[in-house]
C-alpha atoms as a PDB file:
ATOM      1  CA  UNK A   1      -0.059  -0.042   0.174  1.00  0.00           C
ATOM      2  CA  UNK A   2       1.208   3.623  -0.653  1.00  0.00           C
ATOM      3  CA  UNK A   3       0.531   4.674   2.996  1.00  0.00           C
ATOM      4  CA  UNK A   4       2.957   2.095   4.037  1.00  0.00           C
ATOM      5  CA  UNK A   5       6.175   3.813   2.563  1.00  0.00           C
ATOM      6  CA  UNK A   6       5.227   7.330   3.835  1.00  0.00           C
ATOM      7  CA  UNK A   7       6.346   7.459   7.308  1.00  0.00           C
ATOM      8  CA  UNK A   8      10.039   7.927   6.804  1.00  0.00           C
ATOM      9  CA  UNK A   9       9.817  10.610   4.262  1.00  0.00           C
ATOM     10  CA  UNK A  10       8.286  13.211   6.898  1.00  0.00           C
ATOM     11  CA  UNK A  11      11.715  13.186   8.230  1.00  0.00           C
ATOM     12  CA  UNK A  12      13.035  15.135   5.243  1.00  0.00           C
ATOM     13  CA  UNK A  13      10.253  17.191   5.267  1.00  0.00           C
ATOM     14  CA  UNK A  14      10.546  18.283   8.838  1.00  0.00           C
ATOM     15  CA  UNK A  15      14.273  18.989   8.462  1.00  0.00           C
ATOM     16  CA  UNK A  16      13.792  21.593   5.574  1.00  0.00           C
ATOM     17  CA  UNK A  17      10.624  23.130   7.559  1.00  0.00           C
ATOM     18  CA  UNK A  18      13.011  23.056  10.697  1.00  0.00           C
ATOM     19  CA  UNK A  19      16.131  24.623   9.207  1.00  0.00           C
ATOM     20  CA  UNK A  20      14.079  27.186   7.268  1.00  0.00           C
ATOM     21  CA  UNK A  21      11.635  27.782  10.182  1.00  0.00           C
ATOM     22  CA  UNK A  22       8.717  28.104   7.685  1.00  0.00           C
ATOM     23  CA  UNK A  23       5.645  25.617   6.571  1.00  0.00           C
ATOM     24  CA  UNK A  24       6.150  23.166   3.988  1.00  0.00           C
ATOM     25  CA  UNK A  25       2.841  22.269   1.746  1.00  0.00           C
ATOM     26  CA  UNK A  26       3.042  18.861   3.046  1.00  0.00           C
ATOM     27  CA  UNK A  27       4.092  19.182   6.613  1.00  0.00           C
ATOM     28  CA  UNK A  28       1.294  19.841   9.633  1.00  0.00           C
ATOM     29  CA  UNK A  29       2.222  20.111  13.245  1.00  0.00           C
ATOM     30  CA  UNK A  30      -1.320  19.396  14.172  1.00  0.00           C
ATOM     31  CA  UNK A  31      -4.525  18.984  12.015  1.00  0.00           C
ATOM     32  CA  UNK A  32      -8.202  18.011  11.641  1.00  0.00           C
ATOM     33  CA  UNK A  33      -9.153  16.825   8.255  1.00  0.00           C
ATOM     34  CA  UNK A  34     -12.113  15.499   6.390  1.00  0.00           C
ATOM     35  CA  UNK A  35     -11.943  13.795   3.157  1.00  0.00           C
ATOM     36  CA  UNK A  36     -14.838  12.176   1.065  1.00  0.00           C
ATOM     37  CA  UNK A  37     -14.526   9.994  -2.129  1.00  0.00           C
ATOM     38  CA  UNK A  38     -17.646   8.855  -3.837  1.00  0.00           C
ATOM     39  CA  UNK A  39     -18.378   6.911  -7.209  1.00  0.00           C
ATOM     40  CA  UNK A  40     -15.537   4.436  -7.099  1.00  0.00           C
ATOM     41  CA  UNK A  41     -17.471   1.711  -9.195  1.00  0.00           C
ATOM     42  CA  UNK A  42     -16.316  -1.890  -9.220  1.00  0.00           C
ATOM     43  CA  UNK A  43     -14.259  -2.747 -12.124  1.00  0.00           C
ATOM     44  CA  UNK A  44     -15.381  -6.313 -12.592  1.00  0.00           C
ATOM     45  CA  UNK A  45     -18.570  -6.336 -10.834  1.00  0.00           C
ATOM     46  CA  UNK A  46     -21.645  -4.413  -9.821  1.00  0.00           C
ATOM     47  CA  UNK A  47     -21.303  -2.115  -6.925  1.00  0.00           C
ATOM     48  CA  UNK A  48     -20.013   1.246  -5.798  1.00  0.00           C
ATOM     49  CA  UNK A  49     -17.910   2.160  -2.762  1.00  0.00           C
ATOM     50  CA  UNK A  50     -18.016   5.502  -1.168  1.00  0.00           C
ATOM     51  CA  UNK A  51     -15.171   6.319   1.499  1.00  0.00           C
ATOM     52  CA  UNK A  52     -14.925   8.942   3.957  1.00  0.00           C
ATOM     53  CA  UNK A  53     -12.355   9.803   6.571  1.00  0.00           C
ATOM     54  CA  UNK A  54     -11.821  12.231   9.701  1.00  0.00           C
ATOM     55  CA  UNK A  55      -8.456  12.633  11.075  1.00  0.00           C
ATOM     56  CA  UNK A  56      -6.916  14.177  13.941  1.00  0.00           C
ATOM     57  CA  UNK A  57      -3.299  14.267  14.420  1.00  0.00           C
ATOM     58  CA  UNK A  58      -0.887  16.576  16.461  1.00  0.00           C
ATOM     59  CA  UNK A  59       2.843  16.317  17.687  1.00  0.00           C
ATOM     60  CA  UNK A  60       2.822  16.172  21.259  1.00  0.00           C
ATOM     61  CA  UNK A  61       5.983  18.196  21.919  1.00  0.00           C
ATOM     62  CA  UNK A  62       8.474  20.415  20.488  1.00  0.00           C
ATOM     63  CA  UNK A  63      11.475  18.286  19.361  1.00  0.00           C
ATOM     64  CA  UNK A  64      13.198  16.827  22.525  1.00  0.00           C
ATOM     65  CA  UNK A  65      17.183  16.536  22.687  1.00  0.00           C
ATOM     66  CA  UNK A  66      18.323  13.434  23.095  1.00  0.00           C
ATOM     67  CA  UNK A  67      21.582  11.305  22.937  1.00  0.00           C
ATOM     68  CA  UNK A  68      23.953  11.666  20.164  1.00  0.00           C
ATOM     69  CA  UNK A  69      22.749  15.131  18.694  1.00  0.00           C
ATOM     70  CA  UNK A  70      19.369  13.326  17.911  1.00  0.00           C
ATOM     71  CA  UNK A  71      16.169  15.041  18.338  1.00  0.00           C
ATOM     72  CA  UNK A  72      13.053  13.166  19.374  1.00  0.00           C
ATOM     73  CA  UNK A  73       9.382  14.167  18.099  1.00  0.00           C
ATOM     74  CA  UNK A  74       6.205  12.148  19.467  1.00  0.00           C
ATOM     75  CA  UNK A  75       3.114  12.267  17.302  1.00  0.00           C
ATOM     76  CA  UNK A  76      -0.347  10.996  18.044  1.00  0.00           C
ATOM     77  CA  UNK A  77      -3.167  10.382  15.632  1.00  0.00           C
ATOM     78  CA  UNK A  78      -6.757   9.263  15.406  1.00  0.00           C
ATOM     79  CA  UNK A  79      -8.501   8.441  12.225  1.00  0.00           C
ATOM     80  CA  UNK A  80     -12.084   7.471  11.495  1.00  0.00           C
ATOM     81  CA  UNK A  81     -12.973   5.729   8.102  1.00  0.00           C
ATOM     82  CA  UNK A  82     -16.408   4.635   6.730  1.00  0.00           C
ATOM     83  CA  UNK A  83     -16.885   2.498   4.053  1.00  0.00           C
ATOM     84  CA  UNK A  84     -20.193   2.686   2.384  1.00  0.00           C
ATOM     85  CA  UNK A  85     -21.152   0.181  -0.588  1.00  0.00           C
ATOM     86  CA  UNK A  86     -23.902   0.524  -3.054  1.00  0.00           C
ATOM     87  CA  UNK A  87     -25.482  -1.813  -5.365  1.00  0.00           C
ATOM     88  CA  UNK A  88     -23.111  -4.899  -4.525  1.00  0.00           C
ATOM     89  CA  UNK A  89     -23.779  -8.475  -4.793  1.00  0.00           C
ATOM     90  CA  UNK A  90     -25.117  -9.826  -1.493  1.00  0.00           C
ATOM     91  CA  UNK A  91     -22.163 -12.578  -1.716  1.00  0.00           C
ATOM     92  CA  UNK A  92     -19.666 -10.095  -1.320  1.00  0.00           C
ATOM     93  CA  UNK A  93     -17.874 -10.573   1.954  1.00  0.00           C
ATOM     94  CA  UNK A  94     -17.336  -7.088   3.086  1.00  0.00           C
ATOM     95  CA  UNK A  95     -20.327  -4.801   4.117  1.00  0.00           C
ATOM     96  CA  UNK A  96     -20.448  -1.185   5.460  1.00  0.00           C
ATOM     97  CA  UNK A  97     -18.225  -0.693   8.110  1.00  0.00           C
ATOM     98  CA  UNK A  98     -16.764   2.197  10.467  1.00  0.00           C
ATOM     99  CA  UNK A  99     -13.279   1.624  11.223  1.00  0.00           C
ATOM    100  CA  UNK A 100     -10.692   3.118  13.663  1.00  0.00           C
ATOM    101  CA  UNK A 101      -7.355   3.496  13.812  1.00  0.00           C
ATOM    102  CA  UNK A 102      -5.264   5.117  16.865  1.00  0.00           C
ATOM    103  CA  UNK A 103      -1.338   5.546  16.469  1.00  0.00           C
ATOM    104  CA  UNK A 104       1.336   6.732  18.619  1.00  0.00           C
ATOM    105  CA  UNK A 105       4.625   7.407  16.401  1.00  0.00           C
ATOM    106  CA  UNK A 106       8.121   8.711  17.184  1.00  0.00           C
ATOM    107  CA  UNK A 107      10.541  10.541  14.799  1.00  0.00           C
ATOM    108  CA  UNK A 108      14.131  10.950  15.623  1.00  0.00           C
ATOM    109  CA  UNK A 109      16.112  13.278  13.736  1.00  0.00           C
ATOM    110  CA  UNK A 110      19.831  14.456  13.577  1.00  0.00           C
ATOM    111  CA  UNK A 111      20.685  17.661  11.705  1.00  0.00           C
ATOM    112  CA  UNK A 112      23.775  20.033  12.672  1.00  0.00           C
ATOM    113  CA  UNK A 113      24.916  23.383  10.819  1.00  0.00           C
ATOM    114  CA  UNK A 114      28.473  21.941  10.426  1.00  0.00           C
ATOM    115  CA  UNK A 115      27.553  19.108   8.328  1.00  0.00           C
ATOM    116  CA  UNK A 116      25.013  18.686   5.068  1.00  0.00           C
ATOM    117  CA  UNK A 117      24.024  15.135   6.342  1.00  0.00           C
ATOM    118  CA  UNK A 118      20.410  14.553   7.831  1.00  0.00           C
ATOM    119  CA  UNK A 119      19.540  11.439   9.578  1.00  0.00           C
ATOM    120  CA  UNK A 120      16.355  10.091  10.939  1.00  0.00           C
ATOM    121  CA  UNK A 121      14.468   7.052  12.493  1.00  0.00           C
ATOM    122  CA  UNK A 122      10.793   6.358  12.706  1.00  0.00           C
ATOM    123  CA  UNK A 123       8.680   4.189  15.022  1.00  0.00           C
ATOM    124  CA  UNK A 124       5.089   3.593  15.184  1.00  0.00           C
ATOM    125  CA  UNK A 125       2.484   1.565  17.038  1.00  0.00           C
ATOM    126  CA  UNK A 126      -1.072   1.542  15.571  1.00  0.00           C
ATOM    127  CA  UNK A 127      -4.067  -0.057  16.862  1.00  0.00           C
ATOM    128  CA  UNK A 128      -6.611  -0.152  13.856  1.00  0.00           C
ATOM    129  CA  UNK A 129     -10.019  -1.916  14.188  1.00  0.00           C
ATOM    130  CA  UNK A 130     -13.822  -2.204  14.028  1.00  0.00           C
ATOM    131  CA  UNK A 131     -13.807  -2.043  17.835  1.00  0.00           C
ATOM    132  CA  UNK A 132     -15.920  -5.114  17.950  1.00  0.00           C
ATOM    133  CA  UNK A 133     -13.294  -7.412  19.430  1.00  0.00           C
ATOM    134  CA  UNK A 134      -9.668  -6.170  20.179  1.00  0.00           C
ATOM    135  CA  UNK A 135      -6.995  -9.071  20.064  1.00  0.00           C
ATOM    136  CA  UNK A 136      -3.595  -8.946  18.864  1.00  0.00           C
ATOM    137  CA  UNK A 137      -4.527  -8.991  15.406  1.00  0.00           C
ATOM    138  CA  UNK A 138      -5.376  -5.135  15.733  1.00  0.00           C
ATOM    139  CA  UNK A 139      -2.083  -3.958  16.609  1.00  0.00           C
ATOM    140  CA  UNK A 140       0.925  -3.282  14.091  1.00  0.00           C
ATOM    141  CA  UNK A 141       4.602  -2.090  14.616  1.00  0.00           C
ATOM    142  CA  UNK A 142       6.587  -0.258  12.045  1.00  0.00           C
ATOM    143  CA  UNK A 143      10.056   1.146  11.511  1.00  0.00           C
ATOM    144  CA  UNK A 144      12.044   3.069   9.348  1.00  0.00           C
ATOM    145  CA  UNK A 145      15.242   4.968   8.929  1.00  0.00           C
ATOM    146  CA  UNK A 146      16.539   7.375   6.341  1.00  0.00           C
ATOM    147  CA  UNK A 147      19.109  10.169   5.359  1.00  0.00           C
ATOM    148  CA  UNK A 148      19.076  13.070   3.319  1.00  0.00           C
ATOM    149  CA  UNK A 149      21.639  15.377   2.045  1.00  0.00           C
ATOM    150  CA  UNK A 150      21.722  19.210   1.857  1.00  0.00           C
ATOM    151  CA  UNK A 151      23.218  20.441  -1.576  1.00  0.00           C
ATOM    152  CA  UNK A 152      22.479  23.874  -0.546  1.00  0.00           C
ATOM    153  CA  UNK A 153      20.065  26.012   1.105  1.00  0.00           C
ATOM    154  CA  UNK A 154      17.436  25.543  -1.591  1.00  0.00           C
ATOM    155  CA  UNK A 155      17.869  21.816  -2.462  1.00  0.00           C
ATOM    156  CA  UNK A 156      17.637  18.352  -0.201  1.00  0.00           C
ATOM    157  CA  UNK A 157      17.573  14.756  -1.163  1.00  0.00           C
ATOM    158  CA  UNK A 158      17.289  11.565   0.642  1.00  0.00           C
ATOM    159  CA  UNK A 159      16.713   8.190   0.678  1.00  0.00           C
ATOM    160  CA  UNK A 160      15.233   5.508   3.344  1.00  0.00           C
ATOM    161  CA  UNK A 161      14.000   2.205   4.113  1.00  0.00           C
ATOM    162  CA  UNK A 162      10.434   1.310   5.853  1.00  0.00           C
ATOM    163  CA  UNK A 163       9.661  -2.038   7.440  1.00  0.00           C
ATOM    164  CA  UNK A 164       5.944  -2.357   7.785  1.00  0.00           C
ATOM    165  CA  UNK A 165       3.698  -4.441   9.876  1.00  0.00           C
ATOM    166  CA  UNK A 166       6.545  -6.390  11.629  1.00  0.00           C
ATOM    167  CA  UNK A 167       4.057  -8.813  13.599  1.00  0.00           C
ATOM    168  CA  UNK A 168       2.097  -9.813  10.731  1.00  0.00           C
ATOM    169  CA  UNK A 169       2.391  -9.618   6.798  1.00  0.00           C
ATOM    170  CA  UNK A 170       5.804  -7.967   6.807  1.00  0.00           C
ATOM    171  CA  UNK A 171       6.973  -5.661   4.048  1.00  0.00           C
ATOM    172  CA  UNK A 172      10.111  -3.889   3.177  1.00  0.00           C
ATOM    173  CA  UNK A 173       9.840  -0.682   1.139  1.00  0.00           C
ATOM    174  CA  UNK A 174      12.693   1.526   0.066  1.00  0.00           C
ATOM    175  CA  UNK A 175      11.851   4.964  -1.158  1.00  0.00           C
ATOM    176  CA  UNK A 176      13.570   8.434  -2.149  1.00  0.00           C
ATOM    177  CA  UNK A 177      12.581  12.152  -1.564  1.00  0.00           C
ATOM    178  CA  UNK A 178      13.558  15.628  -2.311  1.00  0.00           C
ATOM    179  CA  UNK A 179      12.405  19.177  -1.672  1.00  0.00           C
ATOM    180  CA  UNK A 180      13.378  21.937  -4.018  1.00  0.00           C
ATOM    181  CA  UNK A 181      12.698  25.821  -3.014  1.00  0.00           C
ATOM    182  CA  UNK A 182      12.606  26.744  -6.825  1.00  0.00           C
ATOM    183  CA  UNK A 183      12.208  30.176  -6.236  1.00  0.00           C
ATOM    184  CA  UNK A 184      10.529  32.340  -3.077  1.00  0.00           C
ATOM    185  CA  UNK A 185       6.840  31.524  -4.400  1.00  0.00           C
ATOM    186  CA  UNK A 186       7.418  28.005  -5.846  1.00  0.00           C
ATOM    187  CA  UNK A 187       8.433  24.896  -4.151  1.00  0.00           C
ATOM    188  CA  UNK A 188       8.435  21.382  -5.559  1.00  0.00           C
ATOM    189  CA  UNK A 189       8.967  18.070  -3.280  1.00  0.00           C
ATOM    190  CA  UNK A 190       8.466  14.501  -3.598  1.00  0.00           C
ATOM    191  CA  UNK A 191       8.513  12.934  -0.080  1.00  0.00           C
ATOM    192  CA  UNK A 192       7.910   9.055  -0.637  1.00  0.00           C
ATOM    193  CA  UNK A 193       4.715   8.680  -2.546  1.00  0.00           C
ATOM    194  CA  UNK A 194       3.473  12.384  -1.532  1.00  0.00           C
ATOM    195  CA  UNK A 195       4.150  14.913  -4.641  1.00  0.00           C
ATOM    196  CA  UNK A 196       3.815  18.347  -4.200  1.00  0.00           C
ATOM    197  CA  UNK A 197       4.041  21.446  -6.166  1.00  0.00           C
ATOM    198  CA  UNK A 198       2.985  24.552  -4.672  1.00  0.00           C
ATOM    199  CA  UNK A 199       2.674  28.235  -5.242  1.00  0.00           C
ATOM    200  CA  UNK A 200       2.922  31.012  -2.437  1.00  0.00           C
ATOM    201  CA  UNK A 201       1.839  34.271  -4.154  1.00  0.00           C
ATOM    202  CA  UNK A 202       1.467  35.995  -0.576  1.00  0.00           C
ATOM    203  CA  UNK A 203       2.216  35.286   2.992  1.00  0.00           C
ATOM    204  CA  UNK A 204      -1.642  34.271   3.528  1.00  0.00           C
ATOM    205  CA  UNK A 205      -2.279  32.240   0.729  1.00  0.00           C
ATOM    206  CA  UNK A 206      -0.916  29.006  -1.009  1.00  0.00           C
ATOM    207  CA  UNK A 207      -2.026  26.880  -4.102  1.00  0.00           C
ATOM    208  CA  UNK A 208      -0.944  23.524  -4.405  1.00  0.00           C
ATOM    209  CA  UNK A 209      -1.106  20.257  -6.773  1.00  0.00           C
ATOM    210  CA  UNK A 210      -0.636  17.248  -4.402  1.00  0.00           C
ATOM    211  CA  UNK A 211      -0.592  13.578  -5.492  1.00  0.00           C
ATOM    212  CA  UNK A 212      -1.293  11.565  -1.903  1.00  0.00           C
ATOM    213  CA  UNK A 213      -2.169   8.126  -0.856  1.00  0.00           C
ATOM    214  CA  UNK A 214      -4.974   7.600   1.071  1.00  0.00           C
ATOM    215  CA  UNK A 215      -6.750   4.253   2.828  1.00  0.00           C
ATOM    216  CA  UNK A 216      -5.771   1.942   5.490  1.00  0.00           C
ATOM    217  CA  UNK A 217      -5.661  -1.542   6.573  1.00  0.00           C
ATOM    218  CA  UNK A 218      -8.024  -2.730   9.660  1.00  0.00           C
ATOM    219  CA  UNK A 219      -8.438  -5.749  11.543  1.00  0.00           C
ATOM    220  CA  UNK A 220     -12.332  -6.768  11.903  1.00  0.00           C
ATOM    221  CA  UNK A 221     -14.147  -9.634  13.513  1.00  0.00           C
ATOM    222  CA  UNK A 222     -16.824 -11.617  11.395  1.00  0.00           C
ATOM    223  CA  UNK A 223     -20.265 -12.926  12.660  1.00  0.00           C
ATOM    224  CA  UNK A 224     -18.136 -16.228  13.525  1.00  0.00           C
ATOM    225  CA  UNK A 225     -15.788 -14.464  15.784  1.00  0.00           C
ATOM    226  CA  UNK A 226     -12.801 -14.878  13.069  1.00  0.00           C
ATOM    227  CA  UNK A 227     -10.397 -12.072  12.425  1.00  0.00           C
ATOM    228  CA  UNK A 228      -9.887 -10.570   8.886  1.00  0.00           C
ATOM    229  CA  UNK A 229      -8.293  -7.693   7.396  1.00  0.00           C
ATOM    230  CA  UNK A 230      -9.802  -4.865   5.225  1.00  0.00           C
ATOM    231  CA  UNK A 231      -7.093  -3.326   3.327  1.00  0.00           C
ATOM    232  CA  UNK A 232      -8.351  -0.154   1.114  1.00  0.00           C
ATOM    233  CA  UNK A 233      -5.690   1.698  -0.625  1.00  0.00           C
ATOM    234  CA  UNK A 234      -6.232   4.766  -3.232  1.00  0.00           C
ATOM    235  CA  UNK A 235      -4.027   7.410  -4.661  1.00  0.00           C
ATOM    236  CA  UNK A 236      -5.361  10.847  -4.882  1.00  0.00           C
ATOM    237  CA  UNK A 237      -4.509  13.757  -7.066  1.00  0.00           C
ATOM    238  CA  UNK A 238      -5.914  17.124  -6.539  1.00  0.00           C
ATOM    239  CA  UNK A 239      -5.898  20.959  -6.566  1.00  0.00           C
ATOM    240  CA  UNK A 240      -5.870  22.718  -3.050  1.00  0.00           C
ATOM    241  CA  UNK A 241      -5.929  26.046  -1.962  1.00  0.00           C
ATOM    242  CA  UNK A 242      -4.789  27.221   1.573  1.00  0.00           C
ATOM    243  CA  UNK A 243      -5.465  30.282   3.613  1.00  0.00           C
ATOM    244  CA  UNK A 244      -3.950  31.712   6.765  1.00  0.00           C
ATOM    245  CA  UNK A 245      -6.891  32.119   9.244  1.00  0.00           C
ATOM    246  CA  UNK A 246      -4.467  33.725  11.976  1.00  0.00           C
ATOM    247  CA  UNK A 247      -0.860  33.576  12.751  1.00  0.00           C
ATOM    248  CA  UNK A 248      -0.159  29.651  12.304  1.00  0.00           C
ATOM    249  CA  UNK A 249      -3.698  28.376  11.672  1.00  0.00           C
ATOM    250  CA  UNK A 250      -4.445  27.532   8.034  1.00  0.00           C
ATOM    251  CA  UNK A 251      -7.688  26.486   6.313  1.00  0.00           C
ATOM    252  CA  UNK A 252      -7.254  23.886   3.291  1.00  0.00           C
ATOM    253  CA  UNK A 253      -9.795  22.939   0.776  1.00  0.00           C
ATOM    254  CA  UNK A 254      -9.152  20.552  -1.873  1.00  0.00           C
ATOM    255  CA  UNK A 255     -10.669  18.700  -4.703  1.00  0.00           C
ATOM    256  CA  UNK A 256      -9.526  16.189  -7.365  1.00  0.00           C
ATOM    257  CA  UNK A 257      -9.749  12.479  -8.371  1.00  0.00           C
ATOM    258  CA  UNK A 258      -8.634   9.133  -7.077  1.00  0.00           C
ATOM    259  CA  UNK A 259      -7.261   6.143  -8.839  1.00  0.00           C
ATOM    260  CA  UNK A 260      -5.329   3.050  -8.243  1.00  0.00           C
ATOM    261  CA  UNK A 261      -8.149   2.208  -5.963  1.00  0.00           C
ATOM    262  CA  UNK A 262      -8.380  -1.420  -4.258  1.00  0.00           C
ATOM    263  CA  UNK A 263     -10.262  -3.092  -1.562  1.00  0.00           C
ATOM    264  CA  UNK A 264      -9.700  -6.533  -0.431  1.00  0.00           C
ATOM    265  CA  UNK A 265     -10.370  -8.893   2.639  1.00  0.00           C
ATOM    266  CA  UNK A 266      -7.492 -10.849   3.873  1.00  0.00           C
ATOM    267  CA  UNK A 267      -6.375 -13.298   6.801  1.00  0.00           C
ATOM    268  CA  UNK A 268      -4.436 -11.446   9.091  1.00  0.00           C
ATOM    269  CA  UNK A 269      -1.031 -12.772   8.030  1.00  0.00           C
ATOM    270  CA  UNK A 270      -1.987 -11.679   4.462  1.00  0.00           C
ATOM    271  CA  UNK A 271      -3.755 -14.797   2.565  1.00  0.00           C
ATOM    272  CA  UNK A 272      -6.493 -12.968   0.324  1.00  0.00           C
ATOM    273  CA  UNK A 273     -10.002 -13.855   0.655  1.00  0.00           C
ATOM    274  CA  UNK A 274     -11.288 -11.613  -2.077  1.00  0.00           C
ATOM    275  CA  UNK A 275      -9.952  -8.177  -3.909  1.00  0.00           C
ATOM    276  CA  UNK A 276     -11.695  -5.972  -6.132  1.00  0.00           C
ATOM    277  CA  UNK A 277     -10.124  -2.938  -8.214  1.00  0.00           C
ATOM    278  CA  UNK A 278     -12.062   0.140  -8.124  1.00  0.00           C
ATOM    279  CA  UNK A 279     -12.692   2.700 -10.887  1.00  0.00           C
ATOM    280  CA  UNK A 280     -11.629   6.364 -10.129  1.00  0.00           C
ATOM    281  CA  UNK A 281     -13.826   8.707  -7.983  1.00  0.00           C
ATOM    282  CA  UNK A 282     -13.883  12.310  -7.029  1.00  0.00           C
ATOM    283  CA  UNK A 283     -12.902  13.709  -3.703  1.00  0.00           C
ATOM    284  CA  UNK A 284     -13.447  16.401  -1.719  1.00  0.00           C
ATOM    285  CA  UNK A 285     -11.236  17.649   1.148  1.00  0.00           C
ATOM    286  CA  UNK A 286     -11.088  20.512   3.889  1.00  0.00           C
ATOM    287  CA  UNK A 287      -9.151  20.778   7.072  1.00  0.00           C
ATOM    288  CA  UNK A 288      -7.634  23.069   9.718  1.00  0.00           C
ATOM    289  CA  UNK A 289      -3.716  22.887  10.282  1.00  0.00           C
ATOM    290  CA  UNK A 290      -1.010  24.234  12.362  1.00  0.00           C
ATOM    291  CA  UNK A 291       1.881  24.487  10.236  1.00  0.00           C
ATOM    292  CA  UNK A 292       4.526  25.209  12.907  1.00  0.00           C
ATOM    293  CA  UNK A 293       4.980  25.567  16.498  1.00  0.00           C
END
């Protein structure tokens, strides 16, 4: 899934923002966000999926100094995802679901004025479930590490590796990313699967074209008491407008299309029960964010 290769790429984004003491289009210290995607028709069967999500996330402290020159940044996140099916065959094994995700993450970052190198690490524990019955299958653990190099004041490039779902269907993903301040108004970045091109005409407005992953993986309990996993993945590309409300608080609205959509039901260890590819659908997004401390 796209979302699984994203965590370590935050390290590059954070380092760029921390050094410049300004907000990147893709970086939020705290946010509340609602996203709705409709009209994702099944490609090979009757039925449509509409998906909505509401997310609250925040870094719980400013960077904390620890050993070896590293700084530690803890984060908490809650997300509610609703999957609503329409016109599907009664035999389709996934029904309407309200799914929850609660995650605690820790980022470690090292950057010094005397060196162009940036080093970072990431660890996350997540509970993702329908909250019907909580067991060990509801929890996943992820690790990642990466390094970046500051070529000059305007350009940073980096690489990393993420190890996902260490206690289940383990996967390893490499990734690259860069951040380029083309000019005072234009910035382009690739943060793992997140692509951002932004134009900032004034200190209170920003327009951006973004590509970013959506979805998740949740453990559910069926009527017979057995654990299964719902895996929904999507990639969204859209146009966003961001307006400063006051000081560091921003309002963002966006619209665009989703594609590479897929939903599947698997055993907790990854054995597939069913999988459906979905056609593209329109998405709408609105959110409040705090860009820097």
